[in-house]
Protein backbone atom coordinates (compact mmCIF):
# COMPACT_ATOMS: atom_id res chain seq x y z
CA MET A 1 -1.99 24.60 -2.13
CA ASN A 2 -3.57 23.62 -5.35
CA PHE A 3 -0.70 23.04 -7.15
CA LEU A 4 0.86 20.96 -4.48
CA PHE A 5 -2.66 18.79 -4.56
CA TYR A 6 -2.16 18.21 -7.94
CA PHE A 7 1.45 17.65 -8.25
CA VAL A 8 1.10 14.98 -5.40
CA ILE A 9 -1.56 13.14 -7.07
CA VAL A 10 0.52 12.65 -10.66
CA VAL A 11 3.46 11.58 -8.29
CA HIS A 12 1.20 8.94 -6.76
CA VAL A 13 -0.15 7.71 -9.92
CA ILE A 14 3.14 7.31 -11.01
CA VAL A 15 4.39 5.40 -8.14
CA CYS A 16 1.23 3.28 -8.48
CA LEU A 17 1.94 2.27 -12.06
CA PHE A 18 5.70 1.58 -10.98
CA LEU A 19 4.74 -0.31 -8.30
CA ILE A 20 2.48 -2.79 -10.24
CA GLY A 21 4.95 -3.01 -12.75
CA VAL A 22 7.90 -4.01 -9.94
CA VAL A 23 5.40 -6.52 -8.15
CA LEU A 24 4.31 -8.28 -11.28
CA LEU A 25 8.20 -8.65 -12.48
CA GLN A 26 8.90 -10.37 -9.31
CA GLN A 27 9.18 -14.16 -9.41
CA GLY A 28 7.49 -16.47 -6.75
CA ARG A 29 10.13 -18.57 -4.60
CA SER A 30 11.24 -21.16 -6.60
CA ALA A 31 9.49 -20.14 -9.61
CA ASP A 32 11.79 -20.92 -12.41
CA LEU A 33 12.05 -24.22 -14.23
CA ALA A 34 14.77 -25.73 -11.58
CA GLY A 35 12.18 -25.07 -8.88
CA ALA A 36 9.37 -26.84 -10.56
CA PHE A 37 11.70 -29.94 -10.23
CA GLY A 38 12.95 -29.77 -6.70
CA GLY A 39 16.46 -28.26 -7.81
CA GLN A 40 17.94 -25.21 -5.85
CA GLY A 41 19.80 -23.80 -8.82
CA SER A 42 18.75 -21.05 -11.38
CA GLN A 43 18.51 -20.17 -14.75
CA THR A 44 20.03 -16.82 -14.24
CA ALA A 45 23.97 -16.08 -14.83
CA PHE A 46 24.45 -14.24 -11.56
CA GLY A 47 22.09 -16.49 -9.76
CA PRO A 48 18.57 -15.84 -7.87
CA ARG A 49 19.59 -13.28 -5.41
CA ALA A 50 21.03 -10.32 -7.53
CA ALA A 51 17.87 -9.56 -9.59
CA ALA A 52 15.73 -10.11 -6.31
CA ASN A 53 17.35 -7.92 -4.11
CA VAL A 54 16.88 -4.98 -6.69
CA LEU A 55 13.15 -5.63 -7.24
CA THR A 56 12.83 -6.03 -3.34
CA ARG A 57 14.19 -2.87 -2.66
CA LEU A 58 12.38 -1.21 -5.72
CA THR A 59 9.25 -2.92 -4.31
CA THR A 60 9.88 -1.64 -0.72
CA TRP A 61 10.72 2.13 -1.44
CA SER A 62 7.71 2.20 -4.06
CA ALA A 63 5.36 1.18 -1.43
CA ILE A 64 6.54 3.55 1.22
CA ILE A 65 6.32 6.42 -1.27
CA PHE A 66 2.97 5.13 -1.85
CA MET A 67 1.82 5.19 1.66
CA ILE A 68 3.50 8.81 1.86
CA THR A 69 1.49 10.03 -0.75
CA SER A 70 -1.86 8.40 0.18
CA ILE A 71 -1.39 9.97 3.53
CA SER A 72 -0.28 13.34 1.67
CA LEU A 73 -3.29 13.18 -0.25
CA VAL A 74 -5.80 12.77 2.85
CA ILE A 75 -4.43 15.62 4.80
CA LEU A 76 -4.49 18.13 1.49
CA TYR A 77 -7.84 17.22 0.71
CA MET A 78 -8.90 17.72 4.34
CA ARG A 79 -7.25 21.22 4.48
CA ALA A 80 -8.46 22.17 0.94
CA SER A 81 -12.03 21.41 1.28
CA GLY A 82 -12.49 22.58 5.15
CA SER A 83 -14.11 19.07 6.04
CA HIS A 84 -14.22 17.24 9.36
CA SER A 85 -14.31 13.64 10.00
CA VAL A 86 -17.48 11.57 9.34
CA LEU A 87 -17.28 10.62 13.13
CA GLU A 88 -18.15 13.76 14.34
CA THR A 89 -21.63 13.76 12.99
CA VAL A 90 -22.77 10.41 14.70
CA LYS A 91 -24.74 10.72 17.46
CA PRO A 92 -23.99 8.50 20.53
CA ALA A 93 -26.45 5.20 21.18
CA PRO A 94 -28.79 5.81 23.78
CA VAL A 95 -28.21 3.94 26.96
CA SER A 96 -31.00 1.68 28.23
CA ALA A 97 -31.89 0.46 31.83
CA PRO A 98 -30.40 -2.56 32.92
CA ALA A 99 -32.86 -5.62 33.19
CA THR A 100 -34.39 -6.18 36.40
CA PRO A 101 -33.09 -9.27 38.19
CA GLY A 102 -35.66 -11.85 39.49
CA LYS A 103 -38.57 -13.60 37.99
């Protein structure tokens, strides 16, 4: 169990760094020179869609893996430490009597 926890941490860190890099590589919509002047052209040889599709797919899959590893880390940590939810120790608020009508 301990090996699995550390393995998921390593995968999580690698995915985090990859996700940061992929997001930073993406260009915003009309972020090239032609977009600054209102043109719809692109400076790339294959058009603006080829690189955008690959980067979008990489971003989507790395975000999915990031979420899965995040949830897995929480579950593995909870099982390993034997801890419980924070809300289990919260006492309910006292119920006060309703105000009396009149006056």
